[in-house]
Amino acid sequence: MRIKVTSKLLPEVRRGKPLRVAVNGKWVDAYAGETVAAVLLAEGIQVFRHTARARAPRGVYCGMGLCYECLVTVDEVRAVRACVTPVADGMRIEIDAEPAL
């Protein structure tokens, strides 16, 4: 969920230009300057992928591109770090967030 209102205690919320990106084929709202991870989290998505062997859930961990836990597929490019990749209008993001069987 994105912050929508401000208070006297917080600075004014300023957003970049509105964009649309597709997450697993569903078009969602985004804003210029946001990362892929920010968009996914705003949509309530916390699990971005599962590990290959154990199918353990992974999402944002370090938030600065060091740990590689938040890997997603962006415009058919695999293993993109969601936490440091800025969104672009029309971007297609694929996540492996299916529950482990």
PDB file of N, CA and C in Angstrom:
ATOM      1  N   MET A   1       0.842  -1.167   0.000  1.00  0.00           N
ATOM      2  CA  MET A   1       0.000   0.000   0.000  1.00  0.00           C
ATOM      3  C   MET A   1       0.893   1.239   0.000  1.00  0.00           C
ATOM      4  N   ARG A   2       0.570   2.184  -0.830  1.00  0.00           N
ATOM      5  CA  ARG A   2       1.321   3.430  -0.883  1.00  0.00           C
ATOM      6  C   ARG A   2       0.737   4.446   0.094  1.00  0.00           C
ATOM      7  N   ILE A   3       1.590   5.303   0.625  1.00  0.00           N
ATOM      8  CA  ILE A   3       1.117   6.404   1.468  1.00  0.00           C
ATOM      9  C   ILE A   3       0.338   7.367   0.576  1.00  0.00           C
ATOM     10  N   LYS A   4      -0.867   7.702   0.987  1.00  0.00           N
ATOM     11  CA  LYS A   4      -1.705   8.560   0.157  1.00  0.00           C
ATOM     12  C   LYS A   4      -1.952   9.929   0.779  1.00  0.00           C
ATOM     13  N   VAL A   5      -1.826  10.017   2.084  1.00  0.00           N
ATOM     14  CA  VAL A   5      -2.058  11.301   2.752  1.00  0.00           C
ATOM     15  C   VAL A   5      -0.817  11.694   3.528  1.00  0.00           C
ATOM     16  N   THR A   6      -0.690  12.957   3.771  1.00  0.00           N
ATOM     17  CA  THR A   6       0.444  13.440   4.546  1.00  0.00           C
ATOM     18  C   THR A   6      -0.059  13.964   5.879  1.00  0.00           C
ATOM     19  N   SER A   7       0.860  14.200   6.750  1.00  0.00           N
ATOM     20  CA  SER A   7       0.527  14.800   8.038  1.00  0.00           C
ATOM     21  C   SER A   7       1.539  15.894   8.319  1.00  0.00           C
ATOM     22  N   LYS A   8       1.348  16.588   9.394  1.00  0.00           N
ATOM     23  CA  LYS A   8       2.290  17.638   9.776  1.00  0.00           C
ATOM     24  C   LYS A   8       3.639  17.051  10.171  1.00  0.00           C
ATOM     25  N   LEU A   9       3.661  15.771  10.498  1.00  0.00           N
ATOM     26  CA  LEU A   9       4.888  15.120  10.927  1.00  0.00           C
ATOM     27  C   LEU A   9       5.721  14.580   9.769  1.00  0.00           C
ATOM     28  N   LEU A  10       5.102  14.423   8.611  1.00  0.00           N
ATOM     29  CA  LEU A  10       5.785  13.866   7.448  1.00  0.00           C
ATOM     30  C   LEU A  10       5.901  14.901   6.339  1.00  0.00           C
ATOM     31  N   PRO A  11       6.927  14.800   5.524  1.00  0.00           N
ATOM     32  CA  PRO A  11       7.001  15.701   4.372  1.00  0.00           C
ATOM     33  C   PRO A  11       5.904  15.373   3.363  1.00  0.00           C
ATOM     34  N   GLU A  12       5.614  16.309   2.494  1.00  0.00           N
ATOM     35  CA  GLU A  12       4.586  16.107   1.470  1.00  0.00           C
ATOM     36  C   GLU A  12       4.954  14.924   0.577  1.00  0.00           C
ATOM     37  N   VAL A  13       3.948  14.127   0.248  1.00  0.00           N
ATOM     38  CA  VAL A  13       4.166  12.987  -0.647  1.00  0.00           C
ATOM     39  C   VAL A  13       4.181  13.506  -2.076  1.00  0.00           C
ATOM     40  N   ARG A  14       5.293  13.282  -2.759  1.00  0.00           N
ATOM     41  CA  ARG A  14       5.403  13.672  -4.164  1.00  0.00           C
ATOM     42  C   ARG A  14       5.699  12.427  -4.976  1.00  0.00           C
ATOM     43  N   ARG A  15       4.995  12.259  -6.035  1.00  0.00           N
ATOM     44  CA  ARG A  15       5.174  11.097  -6.883  1.00  0.00           C
ATOM     45  C   ARG A  15       5.640  11.529  -8.271  1.00  0.00           C
ATOM     46  N   GLY A  16       6.296  10.608  -8.937  1.00  0.00           N
ATOM     47  CA  GLY A  16       6.682  10.839 -10.315  1.00  0.00           C
ATOM     48  C   GLY A  16       5.481  10.662 -11.237  1.00  0.00           C
ATOM     49  N   LYS A  17       5.744  10.716 -12.506  1.00  0.00           N
ATOM     50  CA  LYS A  17       4.698  10.562 -13.520  1.00  0.00           C
ATOM     51  C   LYS A  17       4.027   9.200 -13.379  1.00  0.00           C
ATOM     52  N   PRO A  18       2.693   9.143 -13.458  1.00  0.00           N
ATOM     53  CA  PRO A  18       1.999   7.846 -13.381  1.00  0.00           C
ATOM     54  C   PRO A  18       2.366   6.950 -14.560  1.00  0.00           C
ATOM     55  N   LEU A  19       2.579   5.676 -14.262  1.00  0.00           N
ATOM     56  CA  LEU A  19       2.929   4.675 -15.264  1.00  0.00           C
ATOM     57  C   LEU A  19       2.035   3.459 -15.088  1.00  0.00           C
ATOM     58  N   ARG A  20       2.059   2.561 -16.063  1.00  0.00           N
ATOM     59  CA  ARG A  20       1.366   1.277 -15.948  1.00  0.00           C
ATOM     60  C   ARG A  20       2.389   0.190 -16.246  1.00  0.00           C
ATOM     61  N   VAL A  21       2.427  -0.824 -15.395  1.00  0.00           N
ATOM     62  CA  VAL A  21       3.291  -1.980 -15.608  1.00  0.00           C
ATOM     63  C   VAL A  21       2.452  -3.234 -15.436  1.00  0.00           C
ATOM     64  N   ALA A  22       2.877  -4.316 -16.064  1.00  0.00           N
ATOM     65  CA  ALA A  22       2.155  -5.582 -15.944  1.00  0.00           C
ATOM     66  C   ALA A  22       2.911  -6.498 -14.993  1.00  0.00           C
ATOM     67  N   VAL A  23       2.194  -7.036 -14.027  1.00  0.00           N
ATOM     68  CA  VAL A  23       2.753  -8.011 -13.089  1.00  0.00           C
ATOM     69  C   VAL A  23       2.028  -9.324 -13.333  1.00  0.00           C
ATOM     70  N   ASN A  24       2.757 -10.304 -13.861  1.00  0.00           N
ATOM     71  CA  ASN A  24       2.161 -11.589 -14.248  1.00  0.00           C
ATOM     72  C   ASN A  24       0.913 -11.386 -15.113  1.00  0.00           C
ATOM     73  N   GLY A  25       0.992 -10.428 -16.021  1.00  0.00           N
ATOM     74  CA  GLY A  25      -0.089 -10.182 -16.963  1.00  0.00           C
ATOM     75  C   GLY A  25      -1.168  -9.228 -16.492  1.00  0.00           C
ATOM     76  N   LYS A  26      -1.151  -8.827 -15.226  1.00  0.00           N
ATOM     77  CA  LYS A  26      -2.151  -7.897 -14.691  1.00  0.00           C
ATOM     78  C   LYS A  26      -1.550  -6.487 -14.654  1.00  0.00           C
ATOM     79  N   TRP A  27      -2.235  -5.528 -15.278  1.00  0.00           N
ATOM     80  CA  TRP A  27      -1.742  -4.157 -15.313  1.00  0.00           C
ATOM     81  C   TRP A  27      -2.012  -3.464 -13.989  1.00  0.00           C
ATOM     82  N   VAL A  28      -0.968  -2.823 -13.446  1.00  0.00           N
ATOM     83  CA  VAL A  28      -1.069  -2.139 -12.163  1.00  0.00           C
ATOM     84  C   VAL A  28      -0.467  -0.736 -12.283  1.00  0.00           C
ATOM     85  N   ASP A  29      -0.805   0.120 -11.318  1.00  0.00           N
ATOM     86  CA  ASP A  29      -0.291   1.483 -11.296  1.00  0.00           C
ATOM     87  C   ASP A  29       1.109   1.519 -10.710  1.00  0.00           C
ATOM     88  N   ALA A  30       1.927   2.403 -11.246  1.00  0.00           N
ATOM     89  CA  ALA A  30       3.272   2.643 -10.740  1.00  0.00           C
ATOM     90  C   ALA A  30       3.581   4.122 -10.968  1.00  0.00           C
ATOM     91  N   TYR A  31       4.695   4.560 -10.440  1.00  0.00           N
ATOM     92  CA  TYR A  31       5.106   5.953 -10.602  1.00  0.00           C
ATOM     93  C   TYR A  31       6.583   6.000 -10.959  1.00  0.00           C
ATOM     94  N   ALA A  32       6.938   6.930 -11.844  1.00  0.00           N
ATOM     95  CA  ALA A  32       8.336   7.114 -12.215  1.00  0.00           C
ATOM     96  C   ALA A  32       9.143   7.354 -10.950  1.00  0.00           C
ATOM     97  N   GLY A  33      10.294   6.711 -10.873  1.00  0.00           N
ATOM     98  CA  GLY A  33      11.153   6.838  -9.702  1.00  0.00           C
ATOM     99  C   GLY A  33      11.020   5.685  -8.725  1.00  0.00           C
ATOM    100  N   GLU A  34       9.968   4.887  -8.863  1.00  0.00           N
ATOM    101  CA  GLU A  34       9.804   3.719  -7.996  1.00  0.00           C
ATOM    102  C   GLU A  34      10.616   2.548  -8.538  1.00  0.00           C
ATOM    103  N   THR A  35      10.965   1.646  -7.656  1.00  0.00           N
ATOM    104  CA  THR A  35      11.624   0.414  -8.087  1.00  0.00           C
ATOM    105  C   THR A  35      10.563  -0.658  -8.332  1.00  0.00           C
ATOM    106  N   VAL A  36      10.972  -1.710  -9.002  1.00  0.00           N
ATOM    107  CA  VAL A  36      10.078  -2.843  -9.225  1.00  0.00           C
ATOM    108  C   VAL A  36       9.604  -3.386  -7.875  1.00  0.00           C
ATOM    109  N   ALA A  37      10.505  -3.477  -6.906  1.00  0.00           N
ATOM    110  CA  ALA A  37      10.133  -3.977  -5.577  1.00  0.00           C
ATOM    111  C   ALA A  37       9.074  -3.088  -4.931  1.00  0.00           C
ATOM    112  N   ALA A  38       9.198  -1.779  -5.059  1.00  0.00           N
ATOM    113  CA  ALA A  38       8.220  -0.862  -4.469  1.00  0.00           C
ATOM    114  C   ALA A  38       6.834  -1.090  -5.068  1.00  0.00           C
ATOM    115  N   VAL A  39       6.778  -1.307  -6.366  1.00  0.00           N
ATOM    116  CA  VAL A  39       5.496  -1.560  -7.031  1.00  0.00           C
ATOM    117  C   VAL A  39       4.898  -2.875  -6.544  1.00  0.00           C
ATOM    118  N   LEU A  40       5.712  -3.920  -6.479  1.00  0.00           N
ATOM    119  CA  LEU A  40       5.217  -5.215  -6.025  1.00  0.00           C
ATOM    120  C   LEU A  40       4.716  -5.134  -4.584  1.00  0.00           C
ATOM    121  N   LEU A  41       5.471  -4.487  -3.720  1.00  0.00           N
ATOM    122  CA  LEU A  41       5.045  -4.345  -2.326  1.00  0.00           C
ATOM    123  C   LEU A  41       3.772  -3.513  -2.214  1.00  0.00           C
ATOM    124  N   ALA A  42       3.645  -2.470  -3.035  1.00  0.00           N
ATOM    125  CA  ALA A  42       2.432  -1.642  -3.027  1.00  0.00           C
ATOM    126  C   ALA A  42       1.216  -2.453  -3.460  1.00  0.00           C
ATOM    127  N   GLU A  43       1.436  -3.479  -4.266  1.00  0.00           N
ATOM    128  CA  GLU A  43       0.355  -4.366  -4.700  1.00  0.00           C
ATOM    129  C   GLU A  43       0.090  -5.493  -3.704  1.00  0.00           C
ATOM    130  N   GLY A  44       0.818  -5.492  -2.599  1.00  0.00           N
ATOM    131  CA  GLY A  44       0.618  -6.510  -1.578  1.00  0.00           C
ATOM    132  C   GLY A  44       1.378  -7.802  -1.840  1.00  0.00           C
ATOM    133  N   ILE A  45       2.300  -7.771  -2.782  1.00  0.00           N
ATOM    134  CA  ILE A  45       3.083  -8.958  -3.126  1.00  0.00           C
ATOM    135  C   ILE A  45       4.373  -8.930  -2.317  1.00  0.00           C
ATOM    136  N   GLN A  46       4.558  -9.913  -1.446  1.00  0.00           N
ATOM    137  CA  GLN A  46       5.763  -9.982  -0.625  1.00  0.00           C
ATOM    138  C   GLN A  46       6.704 -11.090  -1.060  1.00  0.00           C
ATOM    139  N   VAL A  47       6.176 -12.102  -1.719  1.00  0.00           N
ATOM    140  CA  VAL A  47       6.994 -13.211  -2.212  1.00  0.00           C
ATOM    141  C   VAL A  47       7.197 -13.004  -3.707  1.00  0.00           C
ATOM    142  N   PHE A  48       8.465 -12.852  -4.102  1.00  0.00           N
ATOM    143  CA  PHE A  48       8.787 -12.592  -5.507  1.00  0.00           C
ATOM    144  C   PHE A  48       9.203 -13.857  -6.252  1.00  0.00           C
ATOM    145  N   ARG A  49       9.733 -14.825  -5.511  1.00  0.00           N
ATOM    146  CA  ARG A  49      10.203 -16.067  -6.130  1.00  0.00           C
ATOM    147  C   ARG A  49      10.324 -17.135  -5.055  1.00  0.00           C
ATOM    148  N   HIS A  50      10.621 -18.352  -5.500  1.00  0.00           N
ATOM    149  CA  HIS A  50      10.917 -19.464  -4.592  1.00  0.00           C
ATOM    150  C   HIS A  50      12.261 -20.058  -5.003  1.00  0.00           C
ATOM    151  N   THR A  51      12.999 -20.553  -4.025  1.00  0.00           N
ATOM    152  CA  THR A  51      14.292 -21.150  -4.332  1.00  0.00           C
ATOM    153  C   THR A  51      14.103 -22.419  -5.156  1.00  0.00           C
ATOM    154  N   ALA A  52      15.124 -22.775  -5.912  1.00  0.00           N
ATOM    155  CA  ALA A  52      15.024 -23.897  -6.850  1.00  0.00           C
ATOM    156  C   ALA A  52      14.835 -25.238  -6.152  1.00  0.00           C
ATOM    157  N   ARG A  53      15.613 -25.512  -5.139  1.00  0.00           N
ATOM    158  CA  ARG A  53      15.543 -26.829  -4.500  1.00  0.00           C
ATOM    159  C   ARG A  53      14.422 -26.931  -3.475  1.00  0.00           C
ATOM    160  N   ALA A  54      14.446 -26.078  -2.496  1.00  0.00           N
ATOM    161  CA  ALA A  54      13.504 -26.193  -1.374  1.00  0.00           C
ATOM    162  C   ALA A  54      12.189 -25.469  -1.624  1.00  0.00           C
ATOM    163  N   ARG A  55      12.120 -24.680  -2.694  1.00  0.00           N
ATOM    164  CA  ARG A  55      10.924 -23.865  -2.994  1.00  0.00           C
ATOM    165  C   ARG A  55      10.594 -22.934  -1.825  1.00  0.00           C
ATOM    166  N   ALA A  56      11.625 -22.447  -1.143  1.00  0.00           N
ATOM    167  CA  ALA A  56      11.442 -21.511  -0.033  1.00  0.00           C
ATOM    168  C   ALA A  56      11.129 -20.125  -0.581  1.00  0.00           C
ATOM    169  N   PRO A  57      10.187 -19.409   0.016  1.00  0.00           N
ATOM    170  CA  PRO A  57       9.802 -18.085  -0.488  1.00  0.00           C
ATOM    171  C   PRO A  57      10.894 -17.045  -0.280  1.00  0.00           C
ATOM    172  N   ARG A  58      11.033 -16.151  -1.248  1.00  0.00           N
ATOM    173  CA  ARG A  58      12.013 -15.075  -1.181  1.00  0.00           C
ATOM    174  C   ARG A  58      11.360 -13.771  -1.635  1.00  0.00           C
ATOM    175  N   GLY A  59      11.823 -12.670  -1.063  1.00  0.00           N
ATOM    176  CA  GLY A  59      11.337 -11.333  -1.421  1.00  0.00           C
ATOM    177  C   GLY A  59      12.413 -10.327  -1.114  1.00  0.00           C
ATOM    178  N   VAL A  60      12.029  -9.117  -0.732  1.00  0.00           N
ATOM    179  CA  VAL A  60      13.008  -8.090  -0.402  1.00  0.00           C
ATOM    180  C   VAL A  60      13.672  -8.456   0.918  1.00  0.00           C
ATOM    181  N   TYR A  61      15.003  -8.445   0.920  1.00  0.00           N
ATOM    182  CA  TYR A  61      15.747  -8.712   2.147  1.00  0.00           C
ATOM    183  C   TYR A  61      16.644  -7.513   2.471  1.00  0.00           C
ATOM    184  N   CYS A  62      17.629  -7.255   1.636  1.00  0.00           N
ATOM    185  CA  CYS A  62      18.537  -6.143   1.936  1.00  0.00           C
ATOM    186  C   CYS A  62      18.012  -4.818   1.386  1.00  0.00           C
ATOM    187  N   GLY A  63      17.285  -4.861   0.290  1.00  0.00           N
ATOM    188  CA  GLY A  63      16.722  -3.650  -0.295  1.00  0.00           C
ATOM    189  C   GLY A  63      17.724  -2.755  -0.991  1.00  0.00           C
ATOM    190  N   MET A  64      18.969  -3.235  -1.201  1.00  0.00           N
ATOM    191  CA  MET A  64      19.962  -2.393  -1.869  1.00  0.00           C
ATOM    192  C   MET A  64      20.815  -3.154  -2.887  1.00  0.00           C
ATOM    193  N   GLY A  65      20.313  -4.298  -3.335  1.00  0.00           N
ATOM    194  CA  GLY A  65      20.951  -4.998  -4.437  1.00  0.00           C
ATOM    195  C   GLY A  65      22.124  -5.884  -4.092  1.00  0.00           C
ATOM    196  N   LEU A  66      22.331  -6.197  -2.822  1.00  0.00           N
ATOM    197  CA  LEU A  66      23.472  -7.029  -2.447  1.00  0.00           C
ATOM    198  C   LEU A  66      23.155  -8.510  -2.295  1.00  0.00           C
ATOM    199  N   CYS A  67      21.931  -8.845  -1.898  1.00  0.00           N
ATOM    200  CA  CYS A  67      21.650 -10.222  -1.499  1.00  0.00           C
ATOM    201  C   CYS A  67      21.040 -11.101  -2.592  1.00  0.00           C
ATOM    202  N   TYR A  68      20.472 -10.543  -3.614  1.00  0.00           N
ATOM    203  CA  TYR A  68      19.877 -11.293  -4.730  1.00  0.00           C
ATOM    204  C   TYR A  68      18.678 -12.152  -4.327  1.00  0.00           C
ATOM    205  N   GLU A  69      17.983 -11.779  -3.283  1.00  0.00           N
ATOM    206  CA  GLU A  69      16.792 -12.519  -2.872  1.00  0.00           C
ATOM    207  C   GLU A  69      15.549 -12.087  -3.655  1.00  0.00           C
ATOM    208  N   CYS A  70      15.551 -10.893  -4.215  1.00  0.00           N
ATOM    209  CA  CYS A  70      14.355 -10.325  -4.845  1.00  0.00           C
ATOM    210  C   CYS A  70      14.356 -10.464  -6.368  1.00  0.00           C
ATOM    211  N   LEU A  71      14.941 -11.525  -6.883  1.00  0.00           N
ATOM    212  CA  LEU A  71      15.051 -11.692  -8.335  1.00  0.00           C
ATOM    213  C   LEU A  71      13.692 -11.934  -8.991  1.00  0.00           C
ATOM    214  N   VAL A  72      13.463 -11.222 -10.091  1.00  0.00           N
ATOM    215  CA  VAL A  72      12.246 -11.357 -10.890  1.00  0.00           C
ATOM    216  C   VAL A  72      12.649 -11.359 -12.361  1.00  0.00           C
ATOM    217  N   THR A  73      11.686 -11.585 -13.232  1.00  0.00           N
ATOM    218  CA  THR A  73      11.913 -11.483 -14.673  1.00  0.00           C
ATOM    219  C   THR A  73      11.275 -10.190 -15.151  1.00  0.00           C
ATOM    220  N   VAL A  74      12.058  -9.361 -15.846  1.00  0.00           N
ATOM    221  CA  VAL A  74      11.574  -8.073 -16.348  1.00  0.00           C
ATOM    222  C   VAL A  74      11.763  -8.042 -17.859  1.00  0.00           C
ATOM    223  N   ASP A  75      10.673  -7.862 -18.576  1.00  0.00           N
ATOM    224  CA  ASP A  75      10.709  -7.822 -20.041  1.00  0.00           C
ATOM    225  C   ASP A  75      11.511  -9.001 -20.602  1.00  0.00           C
ATOM    226  N   GLU A  76      11.234 -10.189 -20.073  1.00  0.00           N
ATOM    227  CA  GLU A  76      11.821 -11.460 -20.489  1.00  0.00           C
ATOM    228  C   GLU A  76      13.302 -11.614 -20.135  1.00  0.00           C
ATOM    229  N   VAL A  77      13.838 -10.724 -19.313  1.00  0.00           N
ATOM    230  CA  VAL A  77      15.205 -10.858 -18.820  1.00  0.00           C
ATOM    231  C   VAL A  77      15.121 -11.453 -17.423  1.00  0.00           C
ATOM    232  N   ARG A  78      15.706 -12.642 -17.240  1.00  0.00           N
ATOM    233  CA  ARG A  78      15.618 -13.333 -15.955  1.00  0.00           C
ATOM    234  C   ARG A  78      16.632 -12.784 -14.961  1.00  0.00           C
ATOM    235  N   ALA A  79      16.378 -13.031 -13.683  1.00  0.00           N
ATOM    236  CA  ALA A  79      17.288 -12.715 -12.578  1.00  0.00           C
ATOM    237  C   ALA A  79      17.600 -11.223 -12.473  1.00  0.00           C
ATOM    238  N   VAL A  80      16.566 -10.406 -12.550  1.00  0.00           N
ATOM    239  CA  VAL A  80      16.710  -8.956 -12.378  1.00  0.00           C
ATOM    240  C   VAL A  80      16.423  -8.630 -10.919  1.00  0.00           C
ATOM    241  N   ARG A  81      17.274  -7.817 -10.298  1.00  0.00           N
ATOM    242  CA  ARG A  81      17.071  -7.440  -8.899  1.00  0.00           C
ATOM    243  C   ARG A  81      15.974  -6.373  -8.800  1.00  0.00           C
ATOM    244  N   ALA A  82      14.865  -6.744  -8.202  1.00  0.00           N
ATOM    245  CA  ALA A  82      13.698  -5.864  -8.118  1.00  0.00           C
ATOM    246  C   ALA A  82      13.952  -4.635  -7.262  1.00  0.00           C
ATOM    247  N   CYS A  83      14.813  -4.758  -6.260  1.00  0.00           N
ATOM    248  CA  CYS A  83      15.000  -3.654  -5.315  1.00  0.00           C
ATOM    249  C   CYS A  83      15.794  -2.492  -5.886  1.00  0.00           C
ATOM    250  N   VAL A  84      16.519  -2.692  -6.974  1.00  0.00           N
ATOM    251  CA  VAL A  84      17.325  -1.611  -7.551  1.00  0.00           C
ATOM    252  C   VAL A  84      16.953  -1.294  -9.003  1.00  0.00           C
ATOM    253  N   THR A  85      15.930  -1.934  -9.521  1.00  0.00           N
ATOM    254  CA  THR A  85      15.519  -1.726 -10.914  1.00  0.00           C
ATOM    255  C   THR A  85      14.356  -0.749 -10.976  1.00  0.00           C
ATOM    256  N   PRO A  86      14.549   0.415 -11.607  1.00  0.00           N
ATOM    257  CA  PRO A  86      13.440   1.370 -11.714  1.00  0.00           C
ATOM    258  C   PRO A  86      12.392   0.890 -12.708  1.00  0.00           C
ATOM    259  N   VAL A  87      11.139   1.222 -12.431  1.00  0.00           N
ATOM    260  CA  VAL A  87      10.067   0.838 -13.345  1.00  0.00           C
ATOM    261  C   VAL A  87      10.056   1.756 -14.560  1.00  0.00           C
ATOM    262  N   ALA A  88       9.505   1.250 -15.644  1.00  0.00           N
ATOM    263  CA  ALA A  88       9.332   2.012 -16.878  1.00  0.00           C
ATOM    264  C   ALA A  88       7.935   1.720 -17.407  1.00  0.00           C
ATOM    265  N   ASP A  89       7.356   2.679 -18.080  1.00  0.00           N
ATOM    266  CA  ASP A  89       6.010   2.511 -18.612  1.00  0.00           C
ATOM    267  C   ASP A  89       5.959   1.312 -19.557  1.00  0.00           C
ATOM    268  N   GLY A  90       4.981   0.445 -19.339  1.00  0.00           N
ATOM    269  CA  GLY A  90       4.804  -0.730 -20.179  1.00  0.00           C
ATOM    270  C   GLY A  90       5.658  -1.922 -19.798  1.00  0.00           C
ATOM    271  N   MET A  91       6.445  -1.802 -18.749  1.00  0.00           N
ATOM    272  CA  MET A  91       7.311  -2.893 -18.304  1.00  0.00           C
ATOM    273  C   MET A  91       6.470  -4.120 -17.950  1.00  0.00           C
ATOM    274  N   ARG A  92       7.003  -5.287 -18.263  1.00  0.00           N
ATOM    275  CA  ARG A  92       6.327  -6.540 -17.928  1.00  0.00           C
ATOM    276  C   ARG A  92       7.174  -7.286 -16.909  1.00  0.00           C
ATOM    277  N   ILE A  93       6.594  -7.481 -15.735  1.00  0.00           N
ATOM    278  CA  ILE A  93       7.279  -8.105 -14.616  1.00  0.00           C
ATOM    279  C   ILE A  93       6.643  -9.465 -14.371  1.00  0.00           C
ATOM    280  N   GLU A  94       7.476 -10.487 -14.295  1.00  0.00           N
ATOM    281  CA  GLU A  94       6.991 -11.835 -13.987  1.00  0.00           C
ATOM    282  C   GLU A  94       7.609 -12.268 -12.668  1.00  0.00           C
ATOM    283  N   ILE A  95       6.772 -12.758 -11.774  1.00  0.00           N
ATOM    284  CA  ILE A  95       7.263 -13.267 -10.509  1.00  0.00           C
ATOM    285  C   ILE A  95       6.903 -14.735 -10.385  1.00  0.00           C
ATOM    286  N   ASP A  96       7.720 -15.454  -9.640  1.00  0.00           N
ATOM    287  CA  ASP A  96       7.462 -16.880  -9.375  1.00  0.00           C
ATOM    288  C   ASP A  96       6.950 -16.954  -7.953  1.00  0.00           C
ATOM    289  N   ALA A  97       5.722 -16.549  -7.753  1.00  0.00           N
ATOM    290  CA  ALA A  97       5.173 -16.504  -6.396  1.00  0.00           C
ATOM    291  C   ALA A  97       4.110 -17.552  -6.183  1.00  0.00           C
ATOM    292  N   GLU A  98       4.132 -18.591  -7.004  1.00  0.00           N
ATOM    293  CA  GLU A  98       3.169 -19.671  -6.797  1.00  0.00           C
ATOM    294  C   GLU A  98       3.533 -20.391  -5.500  1.00  0.00           C
ATOM    295  N   PRO A  99       2.540 -20.793  -4.743  1.00  0.00           N
ATOM    296  CA  PRO A  99       2.870 -21.484  -3.499  1.00  0.00           C
ATOM    297  C   PRO A  99       3.579 -22.802  -3.755  1.00  0.00           C
ATOM    298  N   ALA A 100       4.473 -23.154  -2.854  1.00  0.00           N
ATOM    299  CA  ALA A 100       5.195 -24.425  -2.968  1.00  0.00           C
ATOM    300  C   ALA A 100       4.217 -25.580  -2.888  1.00  0.00           C
ATOM    301  N   LEU A 101       4.433 -26.609  -3.679  1.00  0.00           N
ATOM    302  CA  LEU A 101       3.536 -27.775  -3.707  1.00  0.00           C
ATOM    303  C   LEU A 101       3.905 -28.791  -2.670  1.00  0.00           C
TER     304      LEU A 101
END
